Amino acid sequence: MSWAERARRELANEHVVLRPIAEQDREPLRTQAMDPAIWRYFVLLIETDDDFDAFFDAAVADQSAGERVVYVITDRRSGLVAGSMSFCSIAESAGRLEIGWSWLGVKFHGQGINRWAKFLMLREAFENLGAERVEFKTDALNLQARQGLRNIGAIEEGILRGFNPMPGGRRRDAVYYSVLRREWPYVRDQLLAGPKVRPRES
């Protein structure tokens, strides 16, 4: 089986559950997605139901084609769907893939959910798929995401200038990060140390 086929399974721990996307996830994800703050640094902007449906349909189609493994993230504490994250840019013959298309509903920010989802996906990549390299990229302007990647032990590699167009007309400078197989034990320990969770707002 290909990496895309092997990774299309449930990943879980006591904090989060990641399941491959399915049609029944459309409305729970829509509930979290309709806040423009989520998409500030994303390569697309979801403002309407039609925008969301096109986004969701593309995720399902990419997964069916083996181009992405799209996980729906459920927060175990609340039992609610929190957002999504994907394996993408899968280059199995070269031993590498990317963790991307990452987003969470605003009320799930700062709760450690992103950290645990990345832990499960990194563990899947290195310990089940046998990857040699896992990549991440983000907008150079997204300082929070950049700090989060450094916090888990990912290494910043450089900036690709004018990498892709963004809503509104600017071109995004993309910052690449990576974790290599030999670094995974250290990164695993960093992640297992646990997230710093801020209290929920009432």
C-alpha atoms as a PDB file:
ATOM      1  CA  MET A   1       0.000   0.000   0.000  1.00  0.00           C
ATOM      2  CA  SER A   2       1.042   3.572  -0.622  1.00  0.00           C
ATOM      3  CA  TRP A   3       1.697   6.029   2.180  1.00  0.00           C
ATOM      4  CA  ALA A   4      -1.597   7.777   1.387  1.00  0.00           C
ATOM      5  CA  GLU A   5      -3.468   4.497   1.787  1.00  0.00           C
ATOM      6  CA  ARG A   6      -1.635   3.418   4.939  1.00  0.00           C
ATOM      7  CA  ALA A   7      -2.126   6.770   6.662  1.00  0.00           C
ATOM      8  CA  ARG A   8      -5.853   6.815   5.981  1.00  0.00           C
ATOM      9  CA  ARG A   9      -6.740   5.546   9.456  1.00  0.00           C
ATOM     10  CA  GLU A  10      -7.680   6.885  12.869  1.00  0.00           C
ATOM     11  CA  LEU A  11      -4.928   8.398  15.008  1.00  0.00           C
ATOM     12  CA  ALA A  12      -5.727   9.079  18.650  1.00  0.00           C
ATOM     13  CA  ASN A  13      -4.474   9.728  22.156  1.00  0.00           C
ATOM     14  CA  GLU A  14      -6.127  10.984  25.326  1.00  0.00           C
ATOM     15  CA  HIS A  15      -6.284  14.555  23.958  1.00  0.00           C
ATOM     16  CA  VAL A  16      -7.401  14.363  20.324  1.00  0.00           C
ATOM     17  CA  VAL A  17      -8.765  12.001  17.696  1.00  0.00           C
ATOM     18  CA  LEU A  18      -7.820  12.379  14.018  1.00  0.00           C
ATOM     19  CA  ARG A  19     -10.008  10.628  11.425  1.00  0.00           C
ATOM     20  CA  PRO A  20      -9.813  10.725   7.639  1.00  0.00           C
ATOM     21  CA  ILE A  21     -12.342  13.224   6.317  1.00  0.00           C
ATOM     22  CA  ALA A  22     -15.773  11.978   5.249  1.00  0.00           C
ATOM     23  CA  GLU A  23     -18.997  13.588   4.079  1.00  0.00           C
ATOM     24  CA  GLN A  24     -20.507  13.533   7.576  1.00  0.00           C
ATOM     25  CA  ASP A  25     -17.782  15.980   8.653  1.00  0.00           C
ATOM     26  CA  ARG A  26     -19.028  18.766   6.387  1.00  0.00           C
ATOM     27  CA  GLU A  27     -21.374  20.489   8.838  1.00  0.00           C
ATOM     28  CA  PRO A  28     -19.277  20.036  12.017  1.00  0.00           C
ATOM     29  CA  LEU A  29     -16.307  21.564  10.176  1.00  0.00           C
ATOM     30  CA  ARG A  30     -18.430  24.350   8.728  1.00  0.00           C
ATOM     31  CA  THR A  31     -19.425  25.305  12.283  1.00  0.00           C
ATOM     32  CA  GLN A  32     -15.757  25.984  13.124  1.00  0.00           C
ATOM     33  CA  ALA A  33     -14.626  27.405   9.784  1.00  0.00           C
ATOM     34  CA  MET A  34     -16.827  30.480   9.389  1.00  0.00           C
ATOM     35  CA  ASP A  35     -14.547  32.961  11.158  1.00  0.00           C
ATOM     36  CA  PRO A  36     -12.304  35.075   8.908  1.00  0.00           C
ATOM     37  CA  ALA A  37      -9.632  35.273  11.628  1.00  0.00           C
ATOM     38  CA  ILE A  38      -8.786  31.618  10.925  1.00  0.00           C
ATOM     39  CA  TRP A  39      -7.828  32.347   7.325  1.00  0.00           C
ATOM     40  CA  ARG A  40      -5.656  35.429   7.823  1.00  0.00           C
ATOM     41  CA  TYR A  41      -2.479  33.615   6.732  1.00  0.00           C
ATOM     42  CA  PHE A  42      -4.109  30.875   4.662  1.00  0.00           C
ATOM     43  CA  VAL A  43      -3.777  30.615   0.888  1.00  0.00           C
ATOM     44  CA  LEU A  44      -7.529  31.003   0.518  1.00  0.00           C
ATOM     45  CA  LEU A  45     -10.294  32.869   2.293  1.00  0.00           C
ATOM     46  CA  ILE A  46     -13.534  31.312   3.480  1.00  0.00           C
ATOM     47  CA  GLU A  47     -16.233  33.944   3.770  1.00  0.00           C
ATOM     48  CA  THR A  48     -19.378  32.200   2.503  1.00  0.00           C
ATOM     49  CA  ASP A  49     -20.997  28.789   2.606  1.00  0.00           C
ATOM     50  CA  ASP A  50     -20.058  28.344  -1.055  1.00  0.00           C
ATOM     51  CA  ASP A  51     -16.404  29.070  -0.199  1.00  0.00           C
ATOM     52  CA  PHE A  52     -16.498  26.447   2.525  1.00  0.00           C
ATOM     53  CA  ASP A  53     -18.213  23.840   0.342  1.00  0.00           C
ATOM     54  CA  ALA A  54     -15.591  24.287  -2.382  1.00  0.00           C
ATOM     55  CA  PHE A  55     -12.839  23.950   0.253  1.00  0.00           C
ATOM     56  CA  PHE A  56     -14.425  20.827   1.743  1.00  0.00           C
ATOM     57  CA  ASP A  57     -15.093  19.232  -1.653  1.00  0.00           C
ATOM     58  CA  ALA A  58     -11.464  19.810  -2.686  1.00  0.00           C
ATOM     59  CA  ALA A  59     -10.240  18.099   0.492  1.00  0.00           C
ATOM     60  CA  VAL A  60     -12.416  15.040  -0.152  1.00  0.00           C
ATOM     61  CA  ALA A  61     -11.351  14.919  -3.811  1.00  0.00           C
ATOM     62  CA  ASP A  62      -7.647  15.256  -2.977  1.00  0.00           C
ATOM     63  CA  GLN A  63      -7.928  12.425  -0.468  1.00  0.00           C
ATOM     64  CA  SER A  64      -9.771  10.187  -2.944  1.00  0.00           C
ATOM     65  CA  ALA A  65      -7.030  10.861  -5.498  1.00  0.00           C
ATOM     66  CA  GLY A  66      -4.279   9.969  -3.004  1.00  0.00           C
ATOM     67  CA  GLU A  67      -2.849  13.491  -3.132  1.00  0.00           C
ATOM     68  CA  ARG A  68      -3.608  14.273   0.514  1.00  0.00           C
ATOM     69  CA  VAL A  69      -4.618  12.509   3.703  1.00  0.00           C
ATOM     70  CA  VAL A  70      -7.051  14.941   5.298  1.00  0.00           C
ATOM     71  CA  TYR A  71      -7.709  14.439   8.998  1.00  0.00           C
ATOM     72  CA  VAL A  72     -10.632  15.866  10.931  1.00  0.00           C
ATOM     73  CA  ILE A  73      -9.526  16.720  14.474  1.00  0.00           C
ATOM     74  CA  THR A  74     -11.860  16.074  17.418  1.00  0.00           C
ATOM     75  CA  ASP A  75     -11.101  17.537  20.833  1.00  0.00           C
ATOM     76  CA  ARG A  76     -11.636  14.741  23.353  1.00  0.00           C
ATOM     77  CA  ARG A  77     -12.303  17.163  26.217  1.00  0.00           C
ATOM     78  CA  SER A  78     -15.342  18.767  24.568  1.00  0.00           C
ATOM     79  CA  GLY A  79     -16.182  16.016  22.088  1.00  0.00           C
ATOM     80  CA  LEU A  80     -16.373  18.640  19.331  1.00  0.00           C
ATOM     81  CA  VAL A  81     -14.788  18.758  15.902  1.00  0.00           C
ATOM     82  CA  ALA A  82     -12.027  21.365  16.214  1.00  0.00           C
ATOM     83  CA  GLY A  83     -10.517  21.656  12.727  1.00  0.00           C
ATOM     84  CA  SER A  84      -8.373  19.813  10.215  1.00  0.00           C
ATOM     85  CA  MET A  85      -4.778  18.958   9.255  1.00  0.00           C
ATOM     86  CA  SER A  86      -3.351  17.045   6.284  1.00  0.00           C
ATOM     87  CA  PHE A  87      -0.459  15.017   4.983  1.00  0.00           C
ATOM     88  CA  CYS A  88       0.310  16.644   1.627  1.00  0.00           C
ATOM     89  CA  SER A  89       3.153  17.053  -0.893  1.00  0.00           C
ATOM     90  CA  ILE A  90       3.658  13.313  -0.470  1.00  0.00           C
ATOM     91  CA  ALA A  91       6.906  12.209  -2.137  1.00  0.00           C
ATOM     92  CA  GLU A  92       7.115   8.601  -1.016  1.00  0.00           C
ATOM     93  CA  SER A  93       9.993   7.648  -3.323  1.00  0.00           C
ATOM     94  CA  ALA A  94      12.067  10.450  -1.756  1.00  0.00           C
ATOM     95  CA  GLY A  95      10.995   9.572   1.781  1.00  0.00           C
ATOM     96  CA  ARG A  96       9.354  12.910   2.549  1.00  0.00           C
ATOM     97  CA  LEU A  97       5.958  14.505   3.063  1.00  0.00           C
ATOM     98  CA  GLU A  98       4.465  17.688   4.463  1.00  0.00           C
ATOM     99  CA  ILE A  99       2.088  18.368   7.330  1.00  0.00           C
ATOM    100  CA  GLY A 100      -0.055  21.273   6.203  1.00  0.00           C
ATOM    101  CA  TRP A 101      -3.532  22.644   5.485  1.00  0.00           C
ATOM    102  CA  SER A 102      -3.723  23.110   9.265  1.00  0.00           C
ATOM    103  CA  TRP A 103      -6.535  25.102  10.848  1.00  0.00           C
ATOM    104  CA  LEU A 104      -8.566  25.132  14.053  1.00  0.00           C
ATOM    105  CA  GLY A 105     -11.731  26.893  15.115  1.00  0.00           C
ATOM    106  CA  VAL A 106     -10.893  30.032  17.077  1.00  0.00           C
ATOM    107  CA  LYS A 107     -12.225  28.702  20.373  1.00  0.00           C
ATOM    108  CA  PHE A 108      -9.769  25.803  20.154  1.00  0.00           C
ATOM    109  CA  HIS A 109      -6.691  28.004  19.823  1.00  0.00           C
ATOM    110  CA  GLY A 110      -4.255  27.830  22.704  1.00  0.00           C
ATOM    111  CA  GLN A 111      -5.630  24.547  24.050  1.00  0.00           C
ATOM    112  CA  GLY A 112      -2.783  22.261  22.936  1.00  0.00           C
ATOM    113  CA  ILE A 113      -4.865  20.648  20.188  1.00  0.00           C
ATOM    114  CA  ASN A 114      -2.531  21.699  17.376  1.00  0.00           C
ATOM    115  CA  ARG A 115       0.438  20.334  19.301  1.00  0.00           C
ATOM    116  CA  TRP A 116      -1.146  16.927  19.932  1.00  0.00           C
ATOM    117  CA  ALA A 117      -2.408  16.627  16.364  1.00  0.00           C
ATOM    118  CA  LYS A 118       1.091  17.306  15.076  1.00  0.00           C
ATOM    119  CA  PHE A 119       2.487  14.760  17.531  1.00  0.00           C
ATOM    120  CA  LEU A 120       0.177  12.041  16.210  1.00  0.00           C
ATOM    121  CA  MET A 121       0.944  12.891  12.598  1.00  0.00           C
ATOM    122  CA  LEU A 122       4.692  13.027  13.152  1.00  0.00           C
ATOM    123  CA  ARG A 123       4.544   9.694  14.944  1.00  0.00           C
ATOM    124  CA  GLU A 124       2.552   8.247  12.043  1.00  0.00           C
ATOM    125  CA  ALA A 125       5.035   9.634   9.513  1.00  0.00           C
ATOM    126  CA  PHE A 126       8.181   8.366  11.220  1.00  0.00           C
ATOM    127  CA  GLU A 127       7.024   5.220  13.022  1.00  0.00           C
ATOM    128  CA  ASN A 128       4.420   3.795  10.631  1.00  0.00           C
ATOM    129  CA  LEU A 129       5.205   5.206   7.199  1.00  0.00           C
ATOM    130  CA  GLY A 130       8.995   5.278   7.639  1.00  0.00           C
ATOM    131  CA  ALA A 131       9.467   8.851   6.435  1.00  0.00           C
ATOM    132  CA  GLU A 132      12.943  10.386   6.492  1.00  0.00           C
ATOM    133  CA  ARG A 133      11.775  14.010   6.430  1.00  0.00           C
ATOM    134  CA  VAL A 134       8.594  15.828   7.438  1.00  0.00           C
ATOM    135  CA  GLU A 135       8.177  19.378   6.174  1.00  0.00           C
ATOM    136  CA  PHE A 136       6.103  22.336   7.300  1.00  0.00           C
ATOM    137  CA  LYS A 137       5.685  25.732   5.676  1.00  0.00           C
ATOM    138  CA  THR A 138       3.941  28.867   6.817  1.00  0.00           C
ATOM    139  CA  ASP A 139       3.573  32.531   5.965  1.00  0.00           C
ATOM    140  CA  ALA A 140       6.635  34.517   6.998  1.00  0.00           C
ATOM    141  CA  LEU A 141       4.229  37.000   8.610  1.00  0.00           C
ATOM    142  CA  ASN A 142       2.632  34.325  10.797  1.00  0.00           C
ATOM    143  CA  LEU A 143       4.830  34.764  13.849  1.00  0.00           C
ATOM    144  CA  GLN A 144       2.620  32.607  16.077  1.00  0.00           C
ATOM    145  CA  ALA A 145       2.843  29.612  13.749  1.00  0.00           C
ATOM    146  CA  ARG A 146       6.590  30.077  13.351  1.00  0.00           C
ATOM    147  CA  GLN A 147       7.087  30.113  17.114  1.00  0.00           C
ATOM    148  CA  GLY A 148       4.875  27.048  17.496  1.00  0.00           C
ATOM    149  CA  LEU A 149       6.983  25.093  15.014  1.00  0.00           C
ATOM    150  CA  ARG A 150      10.176  26.099  16.778  1.00  0.00           C
ATOM    151  CA  ASN A 151       8.602  25.093  20.093  1.00  0.00           C
ATOM    152  CA  ILE A 152       8.172  21.496  18.948  1.00  0.00           C
ATOM    153  CA  GLY A 153      11.758  21.306  17.710  1.00  0.00           C
ATOM    154  CA  ALA A 154      11.239  21.828  13.979  1.00  0.00           C
ATOM    155  CA  ILE A 155      14.241  23.478  12.298  1.00  0.00           C
ATOM    156  CA  GLU A 156      13.748  26.639  10.270  1.00  0.00           C
ATOM    157  CA  GLU A 157      15.418  26.192   6.894  1.00  0.00           C
ATOM    158  CA  GLY A 158      14.793  29.413   5.011  1.00  0.00           C
ATOM    159  CA  ILE A 159      12.364  31.660   3.203  1.00  0.00           C
ATOM    160  CA  LEU A 160      11.116  31.161  -0.350  1.00  0.00           C
ATOM    161  CA  ARG A 161      10.309  34.671  -1.478  1.00  0.00           C
ATOM    162  CA  GLY A 162       7.101  35.406  -3.387  1.00  0.00           C
ATOM    163  CA  PHE A 163       6.152  31.738  -3.087  1.00  0.00           C
ATOM    164  CA  ASN A 164       2.442  31.955  -3.842  1.00  0.00           C
ATOM    165  CA  PRO A 165      -0.407  34.445  -4.280  1.00  0.00           C
ATOM    166  CA  MET A 166      -2.672  35.256  -1.345  1.00  0.00           C
ATOM    167  CA  PRO A 167      -6.212  36.624  -1.132  1.00  0.00           C
ATOM    168  CA  GLY A 168      -5.996  40.387  -1.427  1.00  0.00           C
ATOM    169  CA  GLY A 169      -3.216  40.340  -3.994  1.00  0.00           C
ATOM    170  CA  ARG A 170       0.050  40.085  -2.056  1.00  0.00           C
ATOM    171  CA  ARG A 171       2.490  37.241  -2.692  1.00  0.00           C
ATOM    172  CA  ARG A 172       3.386  35.188   0.355  1.00  0.00           C
ATOM    173  CA  ASP A 173       6.955  34.599   1.466  1.00  0.00           C
ATOM    174  CA  ALA A 174       6.891  30.985   2.690  1.00  0.00           C
ATOM    175  CA  VAL A 175       9.100  29.817   5.557  1.00  0.00           C
ATOM    176  CA  TYR A 176      10.091  26.141   5.505  1.00  0.00           C
ATOM    177  CA  TYR A 177      10.678  24.008   8.595  1.00  0.00           C
ATOM    178  CA  SER A 178      11.481  20.334   8.894  1.00  0.00           C
ATOM    179  CA  VAL A 179      11.988  17.426  11.246  1.00  0.00           C
ATOM    180  CA  LEU A 180      14.321  14.621  10.151  1.00  0.00           C
ATOM    181  CA  ARG A 181      14.121  11.005  11.239  1.00  0.00           C
ATOM    182  CA  ARG A 182      17.232  11.316  13.406  1.00  0.00           C
ATOM    183  CA  GLU A 183      15.639  14.301  15.184  1.00  0.00           C
ATOM    184  CA  TRP A 184      12.330  12.603  15.884  1.00  0.00           C
ATOM    185  CA  PRO A 185      13.270  11.198  19.342  1.00  0.00           C
ATOM    186  CA  TYR A 186      14.074  14.716  20.556  1.00  0.00           C
ATOM    187  CA  VAL A 187      10.968  16.229  18.966  1.00  0.00           C
ATOM    188  CA  ARG A 188       8.827  13.400  20.362  1.00  0.00           C
ATOM    189  CA  ASP A 189      10.109  14.208  23.856  1.00  0.00           C
ATOM    190  CA  GLN A 190       9.382  17.913  23.313  1.00  0.00           C
ATOM    191  CA  LEU A 191       5.812  17.142  22.329  1.00  0.00           C
ATOM    192  CA  LEU A 192       5.227  14.620  25.107  1.00  0.00           C
ATOM    193  CA  ALA A 193       6.302  17.246  27.624  1.00  0.00           C
ATOM    194  CA  GLY A 194       2.792  18.562  27.012  1.00  0.00           C
ATOM    195  CA  PRO A 195       1.264  21.813  25.852  1.00  0.00           C
ATOM    196  CA  LYS A 196       0.962  24.927  27.937  1.00  0.00           C
ATOM    197  CA  VAL A 197      -2.803  25.280  28.151  1.00  0.00           C
ATOM    198  CA  ARG A 198      -4.405  28.630  28.911  1.00  0.00           C
ATOM    199  CA  PRO A 199      -7.728  28.662  30.771  1.00  0.00           C
ATOM    200  CA  ARG A 200     -10.845  28.643  28.618  1.00  0.00           C
ATOM    201  CA  GLU A 201     -12.628  31.958  28.348  1.00  0.00           C
ATOM    202  CA  SER A 202     -16.145  31.944  29.748  1.00  0.00           C
END
